[in-house]
ModelCIF file with pLDDT and N, C-alpha, C, O atoms, coordinates in Angstrom:
data_MODEL
#
_entry.id   MODEL 
#
_entity.id                         1 
_entity.type                       polymer 
_entity.pdbx_number_of_molecules   1 
#
_entity_poly.entity_id                      1 
_entity_poly.type                           'polypeptide(L)' 
_entity_poly.nstd_linkage                   no 
_entity_poly.nstd_monomer                   no 
_entity_poly.pdbx_seq_one_letter_code       MGRASVPCIYDEDVELEIGQAHILREGADVTILACGIEV 
_entity_poly.pdbx_seq_one_letter_code_can   MGRASVPCIYDEDVELEIGQAHILREGADVTILACGIEV 
_entity_poly.pdbx_strand_id                 A 
#
loop_
_entity_poly_seq.entity_id 
_entity_poly_seq.num 
_entity_poly_seq.mon_id 
_entity_poly_seq.hetero 
1 1  MET n 
1 2  GLY n 
1 3  ARG n 
1 4  ALA n 
1 5  SER n 
1 6  VAL n 
1 7  PRO n 
1 8  CYS n 
1 9  ILE n 
1 10 TYR n 
1 11 ASP n 
1 12 GLU n 
1 13 ASP n 
1 14 VAL n 
1 15 GLU n 
1 16 LEU n 
1 17 GLU n 
1 18 ILE n 
1 19 GLY n 
1 20 GLN n 
1 21 ALA n 
1 22 HIS n 
1 23 ILE n 
1 24 LEU n 
1 25 ARG n 
1 26 GLU n 
1 27 GLY n 
1 28 ALA n 
1 29 ASP n 
1 30 VAL n 
1 31 THR n 
1 32 ILE n 
1 33 LEU n 
1 34 ALA n 
1 35 CYS n 
1 36 GLY n 
1 37 ILE n 
1 38 GLU n 
1 39 VAL n 
#
_struct_asym.id          A 
_struct_asym.entity_id   1 
#
loop_
_ma_qa_metric.id 
_ma_qa_metric.mode 
_ma_qa_metric.name 
_ma_qa_metric.software_group_id 
_ma_qa_metric.type 
1 global pLDDT . pLDDT 
2 local  pLDDT . pLDDT 
#
_ma_qa_metric_global.metric_id      1 
_ma_qa_metric_global.metric_value   95.44 
_ma_qa_metric_global.model_id       1 
_ma_qa_metric_global.ordinal_id     1 
#
loop_
_ma_qa_metric_local.label_asym_id 
_ma_qa_metric_local.label_comp_id 
_ma_qa_metric_local.label_seq_id 
_ma_qa_metric_local.metric_id 
_ma_qa_metric_local.metric_value 
_ma_qa_metric_local.model_id 
_ma_qa_metric_local.ordinal_id 
A MET 1  2 95.00 1 1  
A GLY 2  2 93.00 1 2  
A ARG 3  2 93.00 1 3  
A ALA 4  2 91.00 1 4  
A SER 5  2 92.00 1 5  
A VAL 6  2 92.00 1 6  
A PRO 7  2 94.00 1 7  
A CYS 8  2 94.00 1 8  
A ILE 9  2 95.00 1 9  
A TYR 10 2 95.00 1 10 
A ASP 11 2 92.00 1 11 
A GLU 12 2 89.00 1 12 
A ASP 13 2 89.00 1 13 
A VAL 14 2 93.00 1 14 
A GLU 15 2 89.00 1 15 
A LEU 16 2 93.00 1 16 
A GLU 17 2 95.00 1 17 
A ILE 18 2 97.00 1 18 
A GLY 19 2 97.00 1 19 
A GLN 20 2 97.00 1 20 
A ALA 21 2 98.00 1 21 
A HIS 22 2 97.00 1 22 
A ILE 23 2 98.00 1 23 
A LEU 24 2 98.00 1 24 
A ARG 25 2 98.00 1 25 
A GLU 26 2 98.00 1 26 
A GLY 27 2 98.00 1 27 
A ALA 28 2 97.00 1 28 
A ASP 29 2 98.00 1 29 
A VAL 30 2 98.00 1 30 
A THR 31 2 98.00 1 31 
A ILE 32 2 98.00 1 32 
A LEU 33 2 98.00 1 33 
A ALA 34 2 98.00 1 34 
A CYS 35 2 98.00 1 35 
A GLY 36 2 97.00 1 36 
A ILE 37 2 96.00 1 37 
A GLU 38 2 98.00 1 38 
A VAL 39 2 98.00 1 39 
#
loop_
_atom_site.group_PDB 
_atom_site.id 
_atom_site.type_symbol 
_atom_site.label_atom_id 
_atom_site.label_alt_id 
_atom_site.label_comp_id 
_atom_site.label_asym_id 
_atom_site.label_entity_id 
_atom_site.label_seq_id 
_atom_site.pdbx_PDB_ins_code 
_atom_site.Cartn_x 
_atom_site.Cartn_y 
_atom_site.Cartn_z 
_atom_site.occupancy 
_atom_site.B_iso_or_equiv 
_atom_site.pdbx_formal_charge 
_atom_site.auth_seq_id 
_atom_site.auth_comp_id 
_atom_site.auth_asym_id 
_atom_site.auth_atom_id 
_atom_site.pdbx_PDB_model_num 
ATOM 1   N N  . MET A 1 1  ? 0.674   -1.123  0.149   1.00 95.00 ? 1  MET A N  1 
ATOM 2   C CA . MET A 1 1  ? 0.238   0.126   0.098   1.00 95.00 ? 1  MET A CA 1 
ATOM 3   C C  . MET A 1 1  ? 0.734   1.544   -0.018  1.00 95.00 ? 1  MET A C  1 
ATOM 4   O O  . MET A 1 1  ? 1.864   1.731   0.432   1.00 95.00 ? 1  MET A O  1 
ATOM 5   N N  . GLY A 1 2  ? 0.268   2.311   -0.402  1.00 93.00 ? 2  GLY A N  1 
ATOM 6   C CA . GLY A 1 2  ? 0.979   3.337   -0.409  1.00 93.00 ? 2  GLY A CA 1 
ATOM 7   C C  . GLY A 1 2  ? 0.633   4.630   0.532   1.00 93.00 ? 2  GLY A C  1 
ATOM 8   O O  . GLY A 1 2  ? -0.139  4.452   1.474   1.00 93.00 ? 2  GLY A O  1 
ATOM 9   N N  . ARG A 1 3  ? 1.120   5.770   0.326   1.00 93.00 ? 3  ARG A N  1 
ATOM 10  C CA . ARG A 1 3  ? 0.930   6.927   1.049   1.00 93.00 ? 3  ARG A CA 1 
ATOM 11  C C  . ARG A 1 3  ? 0.055   7.890   0.197   1.00 93.00 ? 3  ARG A C  1 
ATOM 12  O O  . ARG A 1 3  ? -0.864  8.423   0.818   1.00 93.00 ? 3  ARG A O  1 
ATOM 13  N N  . ALA A 1 4  ? 0.180   8.194   -1.082  1.00 91.00 ? 4  ALA A N  1 
ATOM 14  C CA . ALA A 1 4  ? -0.346  9.256   -1.887  1.00 91.00 ? 4  ALA A CA 1 
ATOM 15  C C  . ALA A 1 4  ? -1.915  9.056   -2.175  1.00 91.00 ? 4  ALA A C  1 
ATOM 16  O O  . ALA A 1 4  ? -2.312  7.896   -2.287  1.00 91.00 ? 4  ALA A O  1 
ATOM 17  N N  . SER A 1 5  ? -2.592  9.835   -2.269  1.00 92.00 ? 5  SER A N  1 
ATOM 18  C CA . SER A 1 5  ? -3.953  9.620   -2.734  1.00 92.00 ? 5  SER A CA 1 
ATOM 19  C C  . SER A 1 5  ? -3.941  9.654   -4.338  1.00 92.00 ? 5  SER A C  1 
ATOM 20  O O  . SER A 1 5  ? -3.399  10.516  -5.030  1.00 92.00 ? 5  SER A O  1 
ATOM 21  N N  . VAL A 1 6  ? -4.585  8.644   -4.737  1.00 92.00 ? 6  VAL A N  1 
ATOM 22  C CA . VAL A 1 6  ? -4.771  8.176   -6.185  1.00 92.00 ? 6  VAL A CA 1 
ATOM 23  C C  . VAL A 1 6  ? -6.135  8.132   -6.666  1.00 92.00 ? 6  VAL A C  1 
ATOM 24  O O  . VAL A 1 6  ? -7.071  8.109   -5.868  1.00 92.00 ? 6  VAL A O  1 
ATOM 25  N N  . PRO A 1 7  ? -6.305  8.117   -7.896  1.00 94.00 ? 7  PRO A N  1 
ATOM 26  C CA . PRO A 1 7  ? -7.700  8.161   -8.395  1.00 94.00 ? 7  PRO A CA 1 
ATOM 27  C C  . PRO A 1 7  ? -8.359  6.838   -8.387  1.00 94.00 ? 7  PRO A C  1 
ATOM 28  O O  . PRO A 1 7  ? -7.652  5.871   -8.672  1.00 94.00 ? 7  PRO A O  1 
ATOM 29  N N  . CYS A 1 8  ? -9.725  6.627   -8.077  1.00 94.00 ? 8  CYS A N  1 
ATOM 30  C CA . CYS A 1 8  ? -10.527 5.609   -7.920  1.00 94.00 ? 8  CYS A CA 1 
ATOM 31  C C  . CYS A 1 8  ? -10.539 4.833   -9.234  1.00 94.00 ? 8  CYS A C  1 
ATOM 32  O O  . CYS A 1 8  ? -10.818 5.476   -10.246 1.00 94.00 ? 8  CYS A O  1 
ATOM 33  N N  . ILE A 1 9  ? -10.281 3.579   -9.342  1.00 95.00 ? 9  ILE A N  1 
ATOM 34  C CA . ILE A 1 9  ? -10.345 2.788   -10.920 1.00 95.00 ? 9  ILE A CA 1 
ATOM 35  C C  . ILE A 1 9  ? -11.817 1.772   -10.379 1.00 95.00 ? 9  ILE A C  1 
ATOM 36  O O  . ILE A 1 9  ? -12.844 1.850   -11.053 1.00 95.00 ? 9  ILE A O  1 
ATOM 37  N N  . TYR A 1 10 ? -11.785 1.120   -9.491  1.00 95.00 ? 10 TYR A N  1 
ATOM 38  C CA . TYR A 1 10 ? -12.768 0.136   -9.139  1.00 95.00 ? 10 TYR A CA 1 
ATOM 39  C C  . TYR A 1 10 ? -13.944 0.543   -8.428  1.00 95.00 ? 10 TYR A C  1 
ATOM 40  O O  . TYR A 1 10 ? -13.778 1.514   -7.689  1.00 95.00 ? 10 TYR A O  1 
ATOM 41  N N  . ASP A 1 11 ? -15.199 -0.005  -8.471  1.00 92.00 ? 11 ASP A N  1 
ATOM 42  C CA . ASP A 1 11 ? -16.261 0.293   -7.718  1.00 92.00 ? 11 ASP A CA 1 
ATOM 43  C C  . ASP A 1 11 ? -15.973 -0.070  -6.463  1.00 92.00 ? 11 ASP A C  1 
ATOM 44  O O  . ASP A 1 11 ? -15.111 -0.938  -6.318  1.00 92.00 ? 11 ASP A O  1 
ATOM 45  N N  . GLU A 1 12 ? -16.599 0.487   -5.329  1.00 89.00 ? 12 GLU A N  1 
ATOM 46  C CA . GLU A 1 12 ? -16.147 0.127   -3.969  1.00 89.00 ? 12 GLU A CA 1 
ATOM 47  C C  . GLU A 1 12 ? -16.531 -1.532  -3.552  1.00 89.00 ? 12 GLU A C  1 
ATOM 48  O O  . GLU A 1 12 ? -15.872 -2.124  -2.698  1.00 89.00 ? 12 GLU A O  1 
ATOM 49  N N  . ASP A 1 13 ? -17.435 -2.038  -4.122  1.00 89.00 ? 13 ASP A N  1 
ATOM 50  C CA . ASP A 1 13 ? -17.892 -3.552  -3.924  1.00 89.00 ? 13 ASP A CA 1 
ATOM 51  C C  . ASP A 1 13 ? -17.075 -4.501  -4.704  1.00 89.00 ? 13 ASP A C  1 
ATOM 52  O O  . ASP A 1 13 ? -17.467 -5.666  -4.778  1.00 89.00 ? 13 ASP A O  1 
ATOM 53  N N  . VAL A 1 14 ? -15.936 -4.127  -5.321  1.00 93.00 ? 14 VAL A N  1 
ATOM 54  C CA . VAL A 1 14 ? -15.108 -4.749  -6.425  1.00 93.00 ? 14 VAL A CA 1 
ATOM 55  C C  . VAL A 1 14 ? -14.515 -6.055  -5.492  1.00 93.00 ? 14 VAL A C  1 
ATOM 56  O O  . VAL A 1 14 ? -14.012 -5.852  -4.387  1.00 93.00 ? 14 VAL A O  1 
ATOM 57  N N  . GLU A 1 15 ? -14.645 -7.479  -6.107  1.00 89.00 ? 15 GLU A N  1 
ATOM 58  C CA . GLU A 1 15 ? -14.035 -8.561  -5.542  1.00 89.00 ? 15 GLU A CA 1 
ATOM 59  C C  . GLU A 1 15 ? -13.057 -9.064  -6.366  1.00 89.00 ? 15 GLU A C  1 
ATOM 60  O O  . GLU A 1 15 ? -13.216 -9.257  -7.571  1.00 89.00 ? 15 GLU A O  1 
ATOM 61  N N  . LEU A 1 16 ? -12.033 -9.285  -5.740  1.00 93.00 ? 16 LEU A N  1 
ATOM 62  C CA . LEU A 1 16 ? -10.662 -9.576  -6.290  1.00 93.00 ? 16 LEU A CA 1 
ATOM 63  C C  . LEU A 1 16 ? -10.139 -11.000 -6.106  1.00 93.00 ? 16 LEU A C  1 
ATOM 64  O O  . LEU A 1 16 ? -10.475 -11.484 -5.025  1.00 93.00 ? 16 LEU A O  1 
ATOM 65  N N  . GLU A 1 17 ? -9.360  -11.837 -6.932  1.00 95.00 ? 17 GLU A N  1 
ATOM 66  C CA . GLU A 1 17 ? -9.148  -13.223 -6.422  1.00 95.00 ? 17 GLU A CA 1 
ATOM 67  C C  . GLU A 1 17 ? -7.452  -13.289 -6.394  1.00 95.00 ? 17 GLU A C  1 
ATOM 68  O O  . GLU A 1 17 ? -6.944  -12.479 -7.170  1.00 95.00 ? 17 GLU A O  1 
ATOM 69  N N  . ILE A 1 18 ? -6.717  -13.928 -5.806  1.00 97.00 ? 18 ILE A N  1 
ATOM 70  C CA . ILE A 1 18 ? -5.386  -14.041 -5.768  1.00 97.00 ? 18 ILE A CA 1 
ATOM 71  C C  . ILE A 1 18 ? -5.066  -14.877 -7.126  1.00 97.00 ? 18 ILE A C  1 
ATOM 72  O O  . ILE A 1 18 ? -5.724  -15.864 -7.453  1.00 97.00 ? 18 ILE A O  1 
ATOM 73  N N  . GLY A 1 19 ? -4.125  -14.431 -7.773  1.00 97.00 ? 19 GLY A N  1 
ATOM 74  C CA . GLY A 1 19 ? -3.948  -15.206 -9.046  1.00 97.00 ? 19 GLY A CA 1 
ATOM 75  C C  . GLY A 1 19 ? -4.675  -14.730 -10.379 1.00 97.00 ? 19 GLY A C  1 
ATOM 76  O O  . GLY A 1 19 ? -4.670  -15.323 -11.458 1.00 97.00 ? 19 GLY A O  1 
ATOM 77  N N  . GLN A 1 20 ? -5.254  -13.621 -10.089 1.00 97.00 ? 20 GLN A N  1 
ATOM 78  C CA . GLN A 1 20 ? -6.280  -12.999 -11.121 1.00 97.00 ? 20 GLN A CA 1 
ATOM 79  C C  . GLN A 1 20 ? -5.766  -11.544 -11.548 1.00 97.00 ? 20 GLN A C  1 
ATOM 80  O O  . GLN A 1 20 ? -5.431  -10.694 -10.723 1.00 97.00 ? 20 GLN A O  1 
ATOM 81  N N  . ALA A 1 21 ? -5.746  -11.386 -12.721 1.00 98.00 ? 21 ALA A N  1 
ATOM 82  C CA . ALA A 1 21 ? -5.544  -9.975  -13.631 1.00 98.00 ? 21 ALA A CA 1 
ATOM 83  C C  . ALA A 1 21 ? -6.753  -9.616  -13.921 1.00 98.00 ? 21 ALA A C  1 
ATOM 84  O O  . ALA A 1 21 ? -7.677  -10.428 -13.960 1.00 98.00 ? 21 ALA A O  1 
ATOM 85  N N  . HIS A 1 22 ? -6.910  -8.164  -14.197 1.00 97.00 ? 22 HIS A N  1 
ATOM 86  C CA . HIS A 1 22 ? -7.996  -7.735  -14.915 1.00 97.00 ? 22 HIS A CA 1 
ATOM 87  C C  . HIS A 1 22 ? -7.531  -6.668  -16.290 1.00 97.00 ? 22 HIS A C  1 
ATOM 88  O O  . HIS A 1 22 ? -6.707  -5.754  -16.271 1.00 97.00 ? 22 HIS A O  1 
ATOM 89  N N  . ILE A 1 23 ? -8.256  -7.086  -17.278 1.00 98.00 ? 23 ILE A N  1 
ATOM 90  C CA . ILE A 1 23 ? -8.328  -6.240  -18.334 1.00 98.00 ? 23 ILE A CA 1 
ATOM 91  C C  . ILE A 1 23 ? -9.357  -5.081  -18.110 1.00 98.00 ? 23 ILE A C  1 
ATOM 92  O O  . ILE A 1 23 ? -10.572 -5.268  -18.048 1.00 98.00 ? 23 ILE A O  1 
ATOM 93  N N  . LEU A 1 24 ? -8.788  -3.956  -18.005 1.00 98.00 ? 24 LEU A N  1 
ATOM 94  C CA . LEU A 1 24 ? -9.461  -2.323  -18.040 1.00 98.00 ? 24 LEU A CA 1 
ATOM 95  C C  . LEU A 1 24 ? -10.112 -1.792  -19.166 1.00 98.00 ? 24 LEU A C  1 
ATOM 96  O O  . LEU A 1 24 ? -11.157 -1.147  -19.248 1.00 98.00 ? 24 LEU A O  1 
ATOM 97  N N  . ARG A 1 25 ? -9.144  -2.256  -20.203 1.00 98.00 ? 25 ARG A N  1 
ATOM 98  C CA . ARG A 1 25 ? -9.387  -1.895  -21.578 1.00 98.00 ? 25 ARG A CA 1 
ATOM 99  C C  . ARG A 1 25 ? -9.047  -2.632  -22.609 1.00 98.00 ? 25 ARG A C  1 
ATOM 100 O O  . ARG A 1 25 ? -7.895  -3.042  -22.750 1.00 98.00 ? 25 ARG A O  1 
ATOM 101 N N  . GLU A 1 26 ? -10.030 -2.891  -23.466 1.00 98.00 ? 26 GLU A N  1 
ATOM 102 C CA . GLU A 1 26 ? -9.390  -3.914  -24.798 1.00 98.00 ? 26 GLU A CA 1 
ATOM 103 C C  . GLU A 1 26 ? -8.600  -3.163  -25.616 1.00 98.00 ? 26 GLU A C  1 
ATOM 104 O O  . GLU A 1 26 ? -8.812  -1.971  -25.839 1.00 98.00 ? 26 GLU A O  1 
ATOM 105 N N  . GLY A 1 27 ? -7.470  -3.956  -26.192 1.00 98.00 ? 27 GLY A N  1 
ATOM 106 C CA . GLY A 1 27 ? -6.628  -3.390  -27.422 1.00 98.00 ? 27 GLY A CA 1 
ATOM 107 C C  . GLY A 1 27 ? -6.151  -4.462  -28.082 1.00 98.00 ? 27 GLY A C  1 
ATOM 108 O O  . GLY A 1 27 ? -6.309  -5.644  -27.778 1.00 98.00 ? 27 GLY A O  1 
ATOM 109 N N  . ALA A 1 28 ? -5.458  -3.930  -29.153 1.00 97.00 ? 28 ALA A N  1 
ATOM 110 C CA . ALA A 1 28 ? -4.984  -4.870  -30.270 1.00 97.00 ? 28 ALA A CA 1 
ATOM 111 C C  . ALA A 1 28 ? -3.575  -5.008  -30.438 1.00 97.00 ? 28 ALA A C  1 
ATOM 112 O O  . ALA A 1 28 ? -2.941  -6.017  -30.747 1.00 97.00 ? 28 ALA A O  1 
ATOM 113 N N  . ASP A 1 29 ? -3.036  -3.464  -30.111 1.00 98.00 ? 29 ASP A N  1 
ATOM 114 C CA . ASP A 1 29 ? -1.535  -3.324  -30.810 1.00 98.00 ? 29 ASP A CA 1 
ATOM 115 C C  . ASP A 1 29 ? -0.534  -3.520  -29.783 1.00 98.00 ? 29 ASP A C  1 
ATOM 116 O O  . ASP A 1 29 ? 0.598   -3.783  -30.190 1.00 98.00 ? 29 ASP A O  1 
ATOM 117 N N  . VAL A 1 30 ? -0.743  -3.437  -28.390 1.00 98.00 ? 30 VAL A N  1 
ATOM 118 C CA . VAL A 1 30 ? 0.191   -3.556  -27.385 1.00 98.00 ? 30 VAL A CA 1 
ATOM 119 C C  . VAL A 1 30 ? -0.539  -3.743  -26.183 1.00 98.00 ? 30 VAL A C  1 
ATOM 120 O O  . VAL A 1 30 ? -1.647  -3.242  -25.991 1.00 98.00 ? 30 VAL A O  1 
ATOM 121 N N  . THR A 1 31 ? 0.158   -4.564  -25.251 1.00 98.00 ? 31 THR A N  1 
ATOM 122 C CA . THR A 1 31 ? -0.410  -4.824  -23.999 1.00 98.00 ? 31 THR A CA 1 
ATOM 123 C C  . THR A 1 31 ? 0.465   -4.072  -22.906 1.00 98.00 ? 31 THR A C  1 
ATOM 124 O O  . THR A 1 31 ? 1.690   -4.178  -22.865 1.00 98.00 ? 31 THR A O  1 
ATOM 125 N N  . ILE A 1 32 ? -0.231  -3.353  -22.081 1.00 98.00 ? 32 ILE A N  1 
ATOM 126 C CA . ILE A 1 32 ? 0.406   -2.755  -20.949 1.00 98.00 ? 32 ILE A CA 1 
ATOM 127 C C  . ILE A 1 32 ? -0.133  -3.233  -19.707 1.00 98.00 ? 32 ILE A C  1 
ATOM 128 O O  . ILE A 1 32 ? -1.334  -3.211  -19.441 1.00 98.00 ? 32 ILE A O  1 
ATOM 129 N N  . LEU A 1 33 ? 0.855   -3.707  -18.880 1.00 98.00 ? 33 LEU A N  1 
ATOM 130 C CA . LEU A 1 33 ? 0.575   -4.464  -17.849 1.00 98.00 ? 33 LEU A CA 1 
ATOM 131 C C  . LEU A 1 33 ? 1.178   -3.809  -16.674 1.00 98.00 ? 33 LEU A C  1 
ATOM 132 O O  . LEU A 1 33 ? 2.388   -3.593  -16.606 1.00 98.00 ? 33 LEU A O  1 
ATOM 133 N N  . ALA A 1 34 ? 0.229   -3.453  -15.626 1.00 98.00 ? 34 ALA A N  1 
ATOM 134 C CA . ALA A 1 34 ? 0.623   -2.424  -14.928 1.00 98.00 ? 34 ALA A CA 1 
ATOM 135 C C  . ALA A 1 34 ? -0.109  -2.829  -13.370 1.00 98.00 ? 34 ALA A C  1 
ATOM 136 O O  . ALA A 1 34 ? -1.152  -3.475  -13.270 1.00 98.00 ? 34 ALA A O  1 
ATOM 137 N N  . CYS A 1 35 ? 0.558   -2.380  -12.401 1.00 98.00 ? 35 CYS A N  1 
ATOM 138 C CA . CYS A 1 35 ? 0.342   -2.587  -10.981 1.00 98.00 ? 35 CYS A CA 1 
ATOM 139 C C  . CYS A 1 35 ? 0.397   -1.272  -10.042 1.00 98.00 ? 35 CYS A C  1 
ATOM 140 O O  . CYS A 1 35 ? 1.075   -0.293  -10.353 1.00 98.00 ? 35 CYS A O  1 
ATOM 141 N N  . GLY A 1 36 ? -0.380  -1.342  -8.864  1.00 97.00 ? 36 GLY A N  1 
ATOM 142 C CA . GLY A 1 36 ? -0.274  -0.263  -8.180  1.00 97.00 ? 36 GLY A CA 1 
ATOM 143 C C  . GLY A 1 36 ? -0.608  1.169   -8.815  1.00 97.00 ? 36 GLY A C  1 
ATOM 144 O O  . GLY A 1 36 ? -1.325  1.089   -9.812  1.00 97.00 ? 36 GLY A O  1 
ATOM 145 N N  . ILE A 1 37 ? -0.311  2.185   -8.518  1.00 96.00 ? 37 ILE A N  1 
ATOM 146 C CA . ILE A 1 37 ? -0.316  3.585   -8.797  1.00 96.00 ? 37 ILE A CA 1 
ATOM 147 C C  . ILE A 1 37 ? -0.252  3.566   -10.462 1.00 96.00 ? 37 ILE A C  1 
ATOM 148 O O  . ILE A 1 37 ? -0.887  4.368   -11.147 1.00 96.00 ? 37 ILE A O  1 
ATOM 149 N N  . GLU A 1 38 ? 0.578   2.567   -10.986 1.00 98.00 ? 38 GLU A N  1 
ATOM 150 C CA . GLU A 1 38 ? 0.945   2.946   -12.443 1.00 98.00 ? 38 GLU A CA 1 
ATOM 151 C C  . GLU A 1 38 ? -0.349  2.189   -13.028 1.00 98.00 ? 38 GLU A C  1 
ATOM 152 O O  . GLU A 1 38 ? -0.190  1.933   -14.221 1.00 98.00 ? 38 GLU A O  1 
ATOM 153 N N  . VAL A 1 39 ? -1.320  1.853   -12.625 1.00 98.00 ? 39 VAL A N  1 
ATOM 154 C CA . VAL A 1 39 ? -2.477  1.311   -13.358 1.00 98.00 ? 39 VAL A CA 1 
ATOM 155 C C  . VAL A 1 39 ? -3.226  2.839   -13.993 1.00 98.00 ? 39 VAL A C  1 
ATOM 156 O O  . VAL A 1 39 ? -4.248  2.788   -14.677 1.00 98.00 ? 39 VAL A O  1 
#
């Protein structure tokens, strides 16, 4: 976890799973894999 305030990306009732990534935007030319504030 971090110190800085960051924009909201998910709804507050989001459920996540260990071992699971999430496609936030579909695309065809390049994949950007990000974590934390880099999302």
